[in-house]
């Protein structure tokens, strides 16, 4: 029985988002960001070249993003590539990043999924950039299907 439970836990952490992650981003929004980034599966390879630097894991997180999240969110496994190779740590990084940047005092309003998606895609000020609207539309399409 213990072996079956361990297999289920392993499957859950490699092919689905972890639901234990807490933070400002609601689970449906997190899930749709994950769907847009990787189909919400651990990409193979885990890291891919993207706009001149590596993006890793199911949320396609860059090292600078992880560093920013780590400053707010704590240790995050101590290593960017190790962290982004797991769903729980990747989600904690996204939540930590949003705790730092998707805040009312920066946005002028309570953050929405649109803000989270556009910041995830375009960086701390991504919510201001017209270039992140297409990304938001993909996330919104996923949300509309739920």
N, C-alpha and C. Protein backbone atom coordinates (compact mmCIF):
# COMPACT_ATOMS: atom_id res chain seq x y z
N UNK A 1 0.83 -1.20 0.00
CA UNK A 1 0.00 0.00 0.00
C UNK A 1 0.87 1.26 0.00
N UNK A 2 1.93 1.25 0.81
CA UNK A 2 2.83 2.41 0.88
C UNK A 2 3.46 2.67 -0.49
N UNK A 3 3.83 1.61 -1.21
CA UNK A 3 4.45 1.75 -2.52
C UNK A 3 3.48 2.38 -3.52
N UNK A 4 2.23 1.99 -3.47
CA UNK A 4 1.22 2.57 -4.35
C UNK A 4 1.04 4.05 -4.04
N UNK A 5 0.97 4.39 -2.77
CA UNK A 5 0.82 5.79 -2.37
C UNK A 5 2.01 6.62 -2.85
N UNK A 6 3.22 6.09 -2.71
CA UNK A 6 4.40 6.80 -3.18
C UNK A 6 4.36 7.00 -4.70
N UNK A 7 3.89 6.01 -5.43
CA UNK A 7 3.77 6.12 -6.88
C UNK A 7 2.76 7.21 -7.26
N UNK A 8 1.65 7.27 -6.54
CA UNK A 8 0.63 8.30 -6.80
C UNK A 8 1.20 9.68 -6.51
N UNK A 9 1.92 9.84 -5.41
CA UNK A 9 2.53 11.12 -5.07
C UNK A 9 3.54 11.51 -6.14
N UNK A 10 4.36 10.57 -6.61
CA UNK A 10 5.35 10.87 -7.64
C UNK A 10 4.67 11.30 -8.93
N UNK A 11 3.61 10.63 -9.33
CA UNK A 11 2.88 10.99 -10.53
C UNK A 11 2.28 12.38 -10.40
N UNK A 12 1.70 12.66 -9.26
CA UNK A 12 1.08 13.96 -9.03
C UNK A 12 2.10 15.09 -9.11
N UNK A 13 3.29 14.90 -8.59
CA UNK A 13 4.26 15.99 -8.58
C UNK A 13 5.00 16.13 -9.90
N UNK A 14 4.89 15.17 -10.82
CA UNK A 14 5.58 15.32 -12.09
C UNK A 14 4.65 15.67 -13.24
N UNK A 15 3.36 15.43 -13.13
CA UNK A 15 2.47 15.68 -14.26
C UNK A 15 1.34 16.65 -13.97
N UNK A 16 1.22 17.13 -12.77
CA UNK A 16 0.16 18.07 -12.43
C UNK A 16 0.74 19.13 -11.52
N UNK A 17 0.06 20.22 -11.41
CA UNK A 17 0.53 21.24 -10.48
C UNK A 17 0.20 20.80 -9.06
N UNK A 18 1.02 21.22 -8.14
CA UNK A 18 0.77 20.92 -6.74
C UNK A 18 -0.27 21.87 -6.22
N UNK A 19 -1.21 21.37 -5.46
CA UNK A 19 -2.26 22.24 -4.95
C UNK A 19 -1.91 22.83 -3.60
N UNK A 20 -0.77 22.42 -3.03
CA UNK A 20 -0.41 22.88 -1.70
C UNK A 20 0.23 24.27 -1.72
N UNK A 21 0.60 24.77 -2.89
CA UNK A 21 1.25 26.07 -2.97
C UNK A 21 0.28 27.16 -2.54
N UNK A 22 0.77 28.04 -1.68
CA UNK A 22 -0.08 29.13 -1.22
C UNK A 22 0.52 30.46 -1.64
N UNK A 23 -0.32 31.42 -1.83
CA UNK A 23 0.13 32.73 -2.23
C UNK A 23 -1.02 33.49 -2.86
N UNK A 24 -0.70 34.62 -3.47
CA UNK A 24 -1.76 35.48 -4.01
C UNK A 24 -2.43 34.95 -5.28
N UNK A 25 -1.77 34.08 -6.03
CA UNK A 25 -2.32 33.63 -7.31
C UNK A 25 -3.30 32.48 -7.06
N UNK A 26 -4.57 32.65 -7.43
CA UNK A 26 -5.55 31.58 -7.24
C UNK A 26 -5.18 30.34 -8.07
N UNK A 27 -5.63 29.18 -7.61
CA UNK A 27 -5.24 27.93 -8.25
C UNK A 27 -5.67 27.85 -9.71
N UNK A 28 -6.84 28.38 -10.07
CA UNK A 28 -7.26 28.32 -11.47
C UNK A 28 -6.36 29.17 -12.35
N UNK A 29 -5.93 30.30 -11.87
CA UNK A 29 -5.02 31.17 -12.61
C UNK A 29 -3.64 30.51 -12.73
N UNK A 30 -3.13 29.94 -11.63
CA UNK A 30 -1.85 29.22 -11.66
C UNK A 30 -1.90 28.11 -12.69
N UNK A 31 -2.99 27.35 -12.66
CA UNK A 31 -3.12 26.22 -13.58
C UNK A 31 -3.09 26.69 -15.03
N UNK A 32 -3.77 27.76 -15.34
CA UNK A 32 -3.82 28.24 -16.72
C UNK A 32 -2.48 28.83 -17.16
N UNK A 33 -1.78 29.49 -16.28
CA UNK A 33 -0.42 29.95 -16.62
C UNK A 33 0.45 28.74 -16.94
N UNK A 34 0.32 27.70 -16.14
CA UNK A 34 1.08 26.47 -16.34
C UNK A 34 0.71 25.82 -17.68
N UNK A 35 -0.57 25.79 -18.00
CA UNK A 35 -1.04 25.22 -19.27
C UNK A 35 -0.42 25.99 -20.45
N UNK A 36 -0.45 27.30 -20.38
CA UNK A 36 0.10 28.12 -21.47
C UNK A 36 1.61 27.90 -21.60
N UNK A 37 2.30 27.78 -20.48
CA UNK A 37 3.76 27.66 -20.52
C UNK A 37 4.25 26.29 -20.99
N UNK A 38 3.59 25.23 -20.55
CA UNK A 38 4.15 23.89 -20.83
C UNK A 38 3.12 22.80 -21.05
N UNK A 39 1.85 23.17 -21.14
CA UNK A 39 0.81 22.14 -21.15
C UNK A 39 0.64 21.55 -19.76
N UNK A 40 1.26 22.19 -18.79
CA UNK A 40 1.29 21.79 -17.38
C UNK A 40 1.88 20.39 -17.22
N UNK A 41 2.89 20.13 -18.00
CA UNK A 41 3.68 18.90 -17.89
C UNK A 41 5.13 19.31 -17.72
N UNK A 42 5.89 18.48 -17.06
CA UNK A 42 7.30 18.78 -16.92
C UNK A 42 7.91 18.69 -18.32
N UNK A 43 8.41 19.82 -18.84
CA UNK A 43 8.96 19.79 -20.19
C UNK A 43 10.20 18.89 -20.27
N UNK A 44 10.44 18.39 -21.45
CA UNK A 44 11.61 17.58 -21.69
C UNK A 44 12.32 18.14 -22.92
N UNK A 45 13.46 18.77 -22.81
CA UNK A 45 14.23 18.96 -21.59
C UNK A 45 13.57 19.97 -20.65
N UNK A 46 14.00 19.94 -19.40
CA UNK A 46 13.40 20.80 -18.38
C UNK A 46 13.64 22.28 -18.71
N UNK A 47 14.79 22.60 -19.28
CA UNK A 47 15.11 23.98 -19.64
C UNK A 47 15.17 24.13 -21.15
N UNK A 48 14.68 25.27 -21.62
CA UNK A 48 14.67 25.59 -23.05
C UNK A 48 15.19 27.00 -23.27
N UNK A 49 15.82 27.21 -24.40
CA UNK A 49 16.28 28.54 -24.78
C UNK A 49 15.05 29.40 -25.12
N UNK A 50 14.99 30.60 -24.53
CA UNK A 50 13.85 31.48 -24.74
C UNK A 50 14.32 32.93 -24.67
N UNK A 51 14.25 33.63 -25.76
CA UNK A 51 14.63 35.04 -25.85
C UNK A 51 16.03 35.28 -25.24
N UNK A 52 16.99 34.45 -25.65
CA UNK A 52 18.37 34.65 -25.27
C UNK A 52 18.80 34.09 -23.92
N UNK A 53 17.91 33.44 -23.19
CA UNK A 53 18.31 32.81 -21.92
C UNK A 53 17.44 31.59 -21.68
N UNK A 54 17.85 30.78 -20.72
CA UNK A 54 17.10 29.56 -20.42
C UNK A 54 15.84 29.85 -19.62
N UNK A 55 14.78 29.14 -19.95
CA UNK A 55 13.54 29.12 -19.16
C UNK A 55 13.32 27.67 -18.76
N UNK A 56 13.01 27.44 -17.48
CA UNK A 56 12.98 26.07 -16.99
C UNK A 56 11.67 25.73 -16.27
N UNK A 57 11.31 24.46 -16.34
CA UNK A 57 10.20 23.91 -15.59
C UNK A 57 8.84 24.16 -16.21
N UNK A 58 7.81 23.71 -15.51
CA UNK A 58 6.45 23.81 -16.04
C UNK A 58 5.94 25.24 -16.19
N UNK A 59 6.57 26.18 -15.48
CA UNK A 59 6.19 27.59 -15.60
C UNK A 59 7.21 28.38 -16.43
N UNK A 60 8.20 27.67 -16.99
CA UNK A 60 9.24 28.29 -17.82
C UNK A 60 9.83 29.52 -17.14
N UNK A 61 10.45 29.27 -15.98
CA UNK A 61 11.02 30.32 -15.13
C UNK A 61 12.48 30.55 -15.48
N UNK A 62 12.84 31.82 -15.64
CA UNK A 62 14.23 32.21 -15.88
C UNK A 62 14.93 32.40 -14.53
N UNK A 63 16.26 32.34 -14.57
CA UNK A 63 17.05 32.48 -13.35
C UNK A 63 16.76 33.80 -12.64
N UNK A 64 16.69 34.91 -13.37
CA UNK A 64 16.44 36.21 -12.74
C UNK A 64 15.08 36.23 -12.03
N UNK A 65 14.07 35.62 -12.64
CA UNK A 65 12.72 35.52 -12.04
C UNK A 65 12.83 34.74 -10.73
N UNK A 66 13.53 33.60 -10.79
CA UNK A 66 13.69 32.75 -9.61
C UNK A 66 14.43 33.52 -8.50
N UNK A 67 15.47 34.27 -8.88
CA UNK A 67 16.20 35.06 -7.89
C UNK A 67 15.28 36.08 -7.22
N UNK A 68 14.46 36.76 -8.01
CA UNK A 68 13.51 37.73 -7.45
C UNK A 68 12.50 37.05 -6.53
N UNK A 69 12.01 35.89 -6.93
CA UNK A 69 11.05 35.15 -6.11
C UNK A 69 11.70 34.69 -4.82
N UNK A 70 12.94 34.27 -4.92
CA UNK A 70 13.68 33.77 -3.76
C UNK A 70 13.87 34.87 -2.72
N UNK A 71 14.06 36.08 -3.17
CA UNK A 71 14.24 37.18 -2.23
C UNK A 71 12.98 37.38 -1.39
N UNK A 72 11.82 37.10 -1.97
CA UNK A 72 10.56 37.24 -1.24
C UNK A 72 10.11 35.92 -0.62
N UNK A 73 10.32 34.82 -1.34
CA UNK A 73 9.73 33.55 -0.95
C UNK A 73 10.61 32.60 -0.15
N UNK A 74 11.84 32.99 0.16
CA UNK A 74 12.68 32.11 0.96
C UNK A 74 13.64 31.29 0.12
N UNK A 75 14.03 30.13 0.62
CA UNK A 75 15.10 29.32 0.04
C UNK A 75 14.79 28.80 -1.36
N UNK A 76 13.60 28.27 -1.60
CA UNK A 76 13.22 27.70 -2.89
C UNK A 76 14.24 26.69 -3.39
N UNK A 77 14.65 25.78 -2.52
CA UNK A 77 15.55 24.66 -2.82
C UNK A 77 16.99 25.08 -3.09
N UNK A 78 17.32 26.34 -2.99
CA UNK A 78 18.70 26.77 -3.11
C UNK A 78 19.30 26.75 -4.51
N UNK A 79 18.61 26.19 -5.49
CA UNK A 79 19.15 26.11 -6.84
C UNK A 79 18.02 26.25 -7.86
N UNK A 80 18.17 27.17 -8.77
CA UNK A 80 17.14 27.50 -9.77
C UNK A 80 16.73 26.27 -10.58
N UNK A 81 17.69 25.54 -11.13
CA UNK A 81 17.34 24.41 -11.98
C UNK A 81 16.72 23.27 -11.19
N UNK A 82 17.19 23.03 -9.97
CA UNK A 82 16.57 22.00 -9.13
C UNK A 82 15.14 22.40 -8.77
N UNK A 83 14.96 23.64 -8.43
CA UNK A 83 13.63 24.13 -8.06
C UNK A 83 12.66 23.99 -9.20
N UNK A 84 13.06 24.44 -10.37
CA UNK A 84 12.14 24.44 -11.50
C UNK A 84 11.92 23.04 -12.08
N UNK A 85 12.64 22.05 -11.58
CA UNK A 85 12.43 20.67 -12.01
C UNK A 85 11.34 19.99 -11.19
N UNK A 86 10.71 20.74 -10.28
CA UNK A 86 9.60 20.18 -9.49
C UNK A 86 8.42 21.15 -9.55
N UNK A 87 7.23 20.59 -9.51
CA UNK A 87 6.03 21.43 -9.50
C UNK A 87 5.91 22.25 -8.22
N UNK A 88 6.06 21.65 -7.03
CA UNK A 88 5.86 22.45 -5.81
C UNK A 88 6.81 23.65 -5.71
N UNK A 89 8.07 23.46 -6.03
CA UNK A 89 9.01 24.57 -5.91
C UNK A 89 8.77 25.60 -7.01
N UNK A 90 8.44 25.14 -8.22
CA UNK A 90 8.13 26.08 -9.31
C UNK A 90 6.94 26.95 -8.93
N UNK A 91 5.91 26.33 -8.36
CA UNK A 91 4.74 27.10 -7.94
C UNK A 91 5.08 28.08 -6.83
N UNK A 92 5.92 27.64 -5.89
CA UNK A 92 6.34 28.53 -4.81
C UNK A 92 7.10 29.73 -5.38
N UNK A 93 7.88 29.50 -6.44
CA UNK A 93 8.62 30.60 -7.07
C UNK A 93 7.65 31.59 -7.72
N UNK A 94 6.65 31.09 -8.42
CA UNK A 94 5.66 31.98 -9.04
C UNK A 94 4.95 32.78 -7.95
N UNK A 95 4.53 32.09 -6.90
CA UNK A 95 3.82 32.79 -5.81
C UNK A 95 4.73 33.83 -5.15
N UNK A 96 5.99 33.49 -4.91
CA UNK A 96 6.93 34.44 -4.31
C UNK A 96 7.15 35.67 -5.20
N UNK A 97 7.26 35.43 -6.49
CA UNK A 97 7.43 36.53 -7.45
C UNK A 97 6.22 37.46 -7.41
N UNK A 98 5.04 36.86 -7.38
CA UNK A 98 3.82 37.66 -7.37
C UNK A 98 3.63 38.39 -6.04
N UNK A 99 4.06 37.78 -4.94
CA UNK A 99 3.99 38.46 -3.64
C UNK A 99 4.87 39.72 -3.66
N UNK A 100 5.91 39.67 -4.45
CA UNK A 100 6.81 40.81 -4.54
C UNK A 100 6.32 41.88 -5.52
N UNK A 101 5.78 41.47 -6.67
CA UNK A 101 5.48 42.42 -7.74
C UNK A 101 4.00 42.67 -8.02
N UNK A 102 3.14 41.70 -7.78
CA UNK A 102 1.71 41.88 -8.09
C UNK A 102 0.98 42.35 -6.84
N UNK A 103 1.31 43.55 -6.43
CA UNK A 103 0.74 44.08 -5.20
C UNK A 103 -0.03 45.38 -5.49
N UNK A 104 -1.01 45.61 -4.68
CA UNK A 104 -1.93 46.73 -4.87
C UNK A 104 -1.19 48.06 -5.01
N UNK A 105 -0.15 48.27 -4.21
CA UNK A 105 0.56 49.55 -4.25
C UNK A 105 1.27 49.77 -5.58
N UNK A 106 1.61 48.74 -6.29
CA UNK A 106 2.23 48.88 -7.62
C UNK A 106 1.19 48.96 -8.72
N UNK A 107 0.11 48.18 -8.57
CA UNK A 107 -0.90 48.08 -9.62
C UNK A 107 -1.94 49.19 -9.57
N UNK A 108 -2.21 49.69 -8.39
CA UNK A 108 -3.28 50.67 -8.20
C UNK A 108 -4.64 50.02 -7.96
N UNK A 109 -4.66 48.70 -7.86
CA UNK A 109 -5.89 47.94 -7.59
C UNK A 109 -5.48 46.56 -7.07
N UNK A 110 -6.45 45.83 -6.54
CA UNK A 110 -6.16 44.46 -6.13
C UNK A 110 -5.78 43.65 -7.37
N UNK A 111 -4.73 42.81 -7.27
CA UNK A 111 -4.29 42.06 -8.45
C UNK A 111 -5.34 41.07 -8.94
N UNK A 112 -5.40 40.93 -10.25
CA UNK A 112 -6.30 39.99 -10.91
C UNK A 112 -5.46 38.93 -11.62
N UNK A 113 -6.11 37.92 -12.13
CA UNK A 113 -5.40 36.91 -12.91
C UNK A 113 -4.71 37.55 -14.11
N UNK A 114 -5.35 38.54 -14.71
CA UNK A 114 -4.70 39.23 -15.82
C UNK A 114 -3.38 39.84 -15.38
N UNK A 115 -3.36 40.48 -14.23
CA UNK A 115 -2.12 41.07 -13.72
C UNK A 115 -1.07 39.98 -13.50
N UNK A 116 -1.46 38.89 -12.85
CA UNK A 116 -0.51 37.80 -12.58
C UNK A 116 0.07 37.25 -13.88
N UNK A 117 -0.80 37.01 -14.85
CA UNK A 117 -0.35 36.44 -16.12
C UNK A 117 0.60 37.40 -16.84
N UNK A 118 0.24 38.65 -16.91
CA UNK A 118 1.05 39.61 -17.64
C UNK A 118 2.38 39.89 -16.94
N UNK A 119 2.40 39.87 -15.62
CA UNK A 119 3.65 40.02 -14.87
C UNK A 119 4.51 38.77 -15.06
N UNK A 120 3.89 37.61 -15.02
CA UNK A 120 4.64 36.37 -15.24
C UNK A 120 5.31 36.41 -16.61
N UNK A 121 4.61 36.87 -17.59
CA UNK A 121 5.11 36.89 -18.96
C UNK A 121 6.07 38.05 -19.23
N UNK A 122 5.81 39.20 -18.66
CA UNK A 122 6.56 40.40 -19.03
C UNK A 122 7.42 41.01 -17.95
N UNK A 123 7.54 40.35 -16.81
CA UNK A 123 8.36 40.89 -15.74
C UNK A 123 7.59 41.80 -14.81
N UNK A 124 8.28 42.41 -13.87
CA UNK A 124 7.62 43.21 -12.83
C UNK A 124 6.61 44.24 -13.34
N UNK A 125 6.88 44.84 -14.48
CA UNK A 125 5.96 45.83 -15.05
C UNK A 125 5.18 45.29 -16.24
N UNK A 126 5.14 43.97 -16.38
CA UNK A 126 4.46 43.34 -17.50
C UNK A 126 2.99 43.70 -17.61
N UNK A 127 2.37 44.06 -16.49
CA UNK A 127 0.95 44.45 -16.51
C UNK A 127 0.73 45.74 -17.28
N UNK A 128 1.79 46.50 -17.54
CA UNK A 128 1.69 47.77 -18.28
C UNK A 128 1.95 47.62 -19.78
N UNK A 129 2.59 46.52 -20.18
CA UNK A 129 3.07 46.39 -21.55
C UNK A 129 2.02 45.81 -22.49
N UNK A 130 1.75 46.50 -23.58
CA UNK A 130 0.80 45.95 -24.57
C UNK A 130 1.24 44.59 -25.11
N UNK A 131 2.54 44.33 -25.12
CA UNK A 131 3.06 43.07 -25.64
C UNK A 131 2.67 41.85 -24.82
N UNK A 132 2.15 42.05 -23.61
CA UNK A 132 1.75 40.91 -22.78
C UNK A 132 0.26 40.60 -22.90
N UNK A 133 -0.46 41.37 -23.68
CA UNK A 133 -1.91 41.15 -23.82
C UNK A 133 -2.19 39.83 -24.52
N UNK A 134 -1.39 39.48 -25.52
CA UNK A 134 -1.58 38.20 -26.22
C UNK A 134 -1.41 37.02 -25.29
N UNK A 135 -0.43 37.11 -24.40
CA UNK A 135 -0.22 36.05 -23.41
C UNK A 135 -1.45 35.96 -22.50
N UNK A 136 -1.93 37.10 -22.01
CA UNK A 136 -3.11 37.11 -21.17
C UNK A 136 -4.30 36.49 -21.89
N UNK A 137 -4.45 36.76 -23.16
CA UNK A 137 -5.57 36.19 -23.92
C UNK A 137 -5.52 34.66 -23.94
N UNK A 138 -4.31 34.09 -24.01
CA UNK A 138 -4.15 32.63 -23.95
C UNK A 138 -4.56 32.10 -22.57
N UNK A 139 -4.14 32.79 -21.52
CA UNK A 139 -4.51 32.38 -20.15
C UNK A 139 -6.02 32.50 -19.98
N UNK A 140 -6.59 33.60 -20.45
CA UNK A 140 -8.04 33.83 -20.33
C UNK A 140 -8.82 32.74 -21.07
N UNK A 141 -8.35 32.35 -22.23
CA UNK A 141 -9.02 31.27 -22.99
C UNK A 141 -9.05 29.98 -22.16
N UNK A 142 -7.96 29.68 -21.49
CA UNK A 142 -7.92 28.51 -20.60
C UNK A 142 -8.91 28.67 -19.46
N UNK A 143 -8.94 29.84 -18.84
CA UNK A 143 -9.86 30.10 -17.73
C UNK A 143 -11.31 29.94 -18.17
N UNK A 144 -11.62 30.42 -19.38
CA UNK A 144 -12.98 30.35 -19.90
C UNK A 144 -13.45 28.91 -20.11
N UNK A 145 -12.51 27.99 -20.32
CA UNK A 145 -12.84 26.58 -20.51
C UNK A 145 -13.11 25.86 -19.20
N UNK A 146 -12.73 26.47 -18.09
CA UNK A 146 -12.88 25.79 -16.79
C UNK A 146 -14.28 25.98 -16.23
